[in-house]
Amino acid sequence: MADDGEMQHLKEEVERYRQAAQDALEQLDWCIGYLHGSRKASIAAALSRNRSHIRRTLLDRAEEPMPSNAGG
């Protein structure tokens, strides 16, 4: 069984990876919005589907609207 120090280290690692995943999704959001604004809607839609899959299956989070539909 892990001691308290090891458990704390593991929790910090989990948080670090979670934050990295969230940062990557935010960058992907920007790319989707840029592509949508550049009239590359089919590419933006494909990336948005990938983003939704990542949020649902890997991060166990609810889906969010496409960045182009979020008003920003």
Protein backbone atom coordinates (compact mmCIF):
# COMPACT_ATOMS: atom_id res chain seq x y z
CA MET A 1 0.00 0.00 0.00
CA ALA A 2 1.22 3.52 -0.80
CA ASP A 3 2.20 5.88 2.00
CA ASP A 4 0.78 9.40 2.34
CA GLY A 5 3.73 11.02 0.56
CA GLU A 6 3.42 8.70 -2.40
CA MET A 7 -0.35 9.22 -2.56
CA GLN A 8 0.15 13.00 -2.55
CA HIS A 9 2.70 12.69 -5.36
CA LEU A 10 0.29 10.57 -7.41
CA LYS A 11 -2.53 13.08 -6.86
CA GLU A 12 -0.25 15.89 -8.04
CA GLU A 13 0.68 13.90 -11.14
CA VAL A 14 -2.97 13.25 -11.93
CA GLU A 15 -3.74 16.95 -11.60
CA ARG A 16 -0.78 17.85 -13.80
CA TYR A 17 -1.95 15.50 -16.57
CA ARG A 18 -5.54 16.69 -16.20
CA GLN A 19 -4.43 20.29 -16.59
CA ALA A 20 -2.30 19.41 -19.62
CA ALA A 21 -5.29 17.68 -21.23
CA GLN A 22 -7.50 20.68 -20.50
CA ASP A 23 -4.91 23.06 -21.99
CA ALA A 24 -4.67 20.90 -25.12
CA LEU A 25 -8.47 20.93 -25.50
CA GLU A 26 -8.47 24.72 -25.21
CA GLN A 27 -5.90 24.92 -28.00
CA LEU A 28 -8.02 22.55 -30.05
CA ASP A 29 -11.04 24.80 -29.41
CA TRP A 30 -9.07 27.74 -30.80
CA CYS A 31 -8.10 25.73 -33.90
CA ILE A 32 -11.70 24.66 -34.48
CA GLY A 33 -12.88 28.25 -34.24
CA TYR A 34 -10.13 29.45 -36.56
CA LEU A 35 -10.90 26.79 -39.16
CA HIS A 36 -14.61 27.53 -38.93
CA GLY A 37 -13.92 31.23 -39.44
CA SER A 38 -11.66 30.39 -42.38
CA ARG A 39 -14.54 28.61 -44.10
CA LYS A 40 -13.04 25.17 -43.45
CA ALA A 41 -16.23 23.96 -41.76
CA SER A 42 -15.80 20.28 -42.67
CA ILE A 43 -12.34 20.14 -41.05
CA ALA A 44 -13.63 22.08 -38.04
CA ALA A 45 -16.55 19.67 -37.68
CA ALA A 46 -14.25 16.63 -37.81
CA LEU A 47 -11.99 18.12 -35.14
CA SER A 48 -15.02 18.98 -33.04
CA ARG A 49 -16.18 15.36 -33.16
CA ASN A 50 -12.71 14.27 -32.06
CA ARG A 51 -12.80 16.83 -29.24
CA SER A 52 -16.18 15.53 -28.07
CA HIS A 53 -14.89 11.96 -28.10
CA ILE A 54 -11.84 12.95 -26.04
CA ARG A 55 -13.97 14.78 -23.47
CA ARG A 56 -16.51 11.95 -23.22
CA THR A 57 -14.30 8.87 -23.22
CA LEU A 58 -10.89 9.95 -21.97
CA LEU A 59 -11.74 12.74 -19.55
CA ASP A 60 -15.20 11.47 -18.55
CA ARG A 61 -16.63 14.97 -19.02
CA ALA A 62 -19.87 16.19 -20.56
CA GLU A 63 -19.81 17.44 -24.12
CA GLU A 64 -19.65 21.17 -24.76
CA PRO A 65 -20.96 23.12 -27.76
CA MET A 66 -18.63 23.67 -30.69
CA PRO A 67 -16.52 26.82 -30.14
CA SER A 68 -18.13 28.48 -33.15
CA ASN A 69 -21.54 28.05 -31.46
CA ALA A 70 -20.39 29.29 -28.07
CA GLY A 71 -20.53 32.94 -29.10
CA GLY A 72 -16.80 33.58 -28.74
